[in-house]
C-alpha cells in the first residue's frame, strides 16, 4: 500500500514590478517557507493578505507549494 507523507510547504507571492524596457511585464517573487501543512485556505489568505501589503509593489497572486514523499510499504 502506498502512502503520501507531507514534507514541507511554502507560499510564493507574485508582485507587479512594472514593465521592462521592451514593455513586457516584470513580476517579482517572494517565497515564505515553513508553512504548516494543515493550514486552511482562510488562514493562508489572511497571511498572504498581510504579507502582500508589506511590499512596495502591488500584489498579484499567491500559490501554495507542497512537497511530499510517496512511500510504499
Protein backbone atom coordinates (compact mmCIF):
# COMPACT_ATOMS: atom_id res chain seq x y z
CA UNK A 1 0.00 0.00 0.00
CA UNK A 2 1.38 3.42 -0.98
CA UNK A 3 1.25 6.49 1.25
CA UNK A 4 1.92 10.18 0.76
CA UNK A 5 3.87 11.75 3.62
CA UNK A 6 3.92 15.56 3.89
CA UNK A 7 7.46 17.01 3.99
CA UNK A 8 7.13 20.81 3.80
CA UNK A 9 5.14 23.69 2.35
CA UNK A 10 5.76 27.28 1.32
CA UNK A 11 3.80 30.16 -0.17
CA UNK A 12 5.04 32.20 -3.11
CA UNK A 13 3.74 35.72 -3.63
CA UNK A 14 3.77 37.41 -7.04
CA UNK A 15 4.16 41.20 -7.31
CA UNK A 16 3.77 43.58 -10.27
CA UNK A 17 7.12 45.37 -10.71
CA UNK A 18 6.08 47.38 -13.78
CA UNK A 19 7.35 46.98 -17.32
CA UNK A 20 10.81 46.31 -18.69
CA UNK A 21 12.48 48.27 -21.49
CA UNK A 22 10.53 46.32 -24.13
CA UNK A 23 7.15 46.91 -22.47
CA UNK A 24 6.88 43.38 -21.05
CA UNK A 25 5.54 42.92 -17.52
CA UNK A 26 8.06 42.27 -14.75
CA UNK A 27 6.95 40.01 -11.90
CA UNK A 28 8.86 39.84 -8.61
CA UNK A 29 8.52 36.71 -6.48
CA UNK A 30 8.89 36.28 -2.72
CA UNK A 31 8.79 32.84 -1.09
CA UNK A 32 7.97 32.19 2.56
CA UNK A 33 8.91 28.75 3.85
CA UNK A 34 7.84 26.59 6.80
CA UNK A 35 4.12 26.88 6.16
CA UNK A 36 2.08 24.37 8.11
CA UNK A 37 0.71 21.54 6.00
CA UNK A 38 -2.55 21.73 7.93
CA UNK A 39 -3.09 25.48 7.31
CA UNK A 40 -6.56 26.04 5.86
CA UNK A 41 -7.44 28.37 2.99
CA UNK A 42 -8.77 31.12 5.29
CA UNK A 43 -5.56 31.22 7.34
CA UNK A 44 -3.38 31.28 4.25
CA UNK A 45 -5.49 34.02 2.67
CA UNK A 46 -5.12 36.16 5.81
CA UNK A 47 -1.35 35.62 5.89
CA UNK A 48 -0.97 36.33 2.17
CA UNK A 49 -3.04 39.50 2.51
CA UNK A 50 -0.88 40.74 5.37
CA UNK A 51 2.41 39.83 3.68
CA UNK A 52 1.29 41.21 0.31
CA UNK A 53 0.65 44.59 1.89
CA UNK A 54 4.23 44.85 3.17
CA UNK A 55 5.77 45.09 -0.29
CA UNK A 56 6.34 48.27 -2.23
CA UNK A 57 4.92 46.52 -5.29
CA UNK A 58 1.25 45.73 -5.95
CA UNK A 59 0.30 42.16 -5.00
CA UNK A 60 -0.87 40.00 -7.95
CA UNK A 61 -1.26 36.39 -6.82
CA UNK A 62 -0.05 33.68 -4.44
CA UNK A 63 0.46 29.95 -4.60
CA UNK A 64 0.99 27.24 -2.01
CA UNK A 65 3.75 24.78 -2.84
CA UNK A 66 3.81 21.43 -1.03
CA UNK A 67 6.43 18.72 -1.10
CA UNK A 68 5.54 15.17 -0.17
CA UNK A 69 7.20 11.80 -0.24
CA UNK A 70 5.50 8.78 -1.77
CA UNK A 71 6.28 5.63 0.16
CA UNK A 72 5.37 2.02 -0.45
CA UNK A 73 5.05 -0.49 2.34
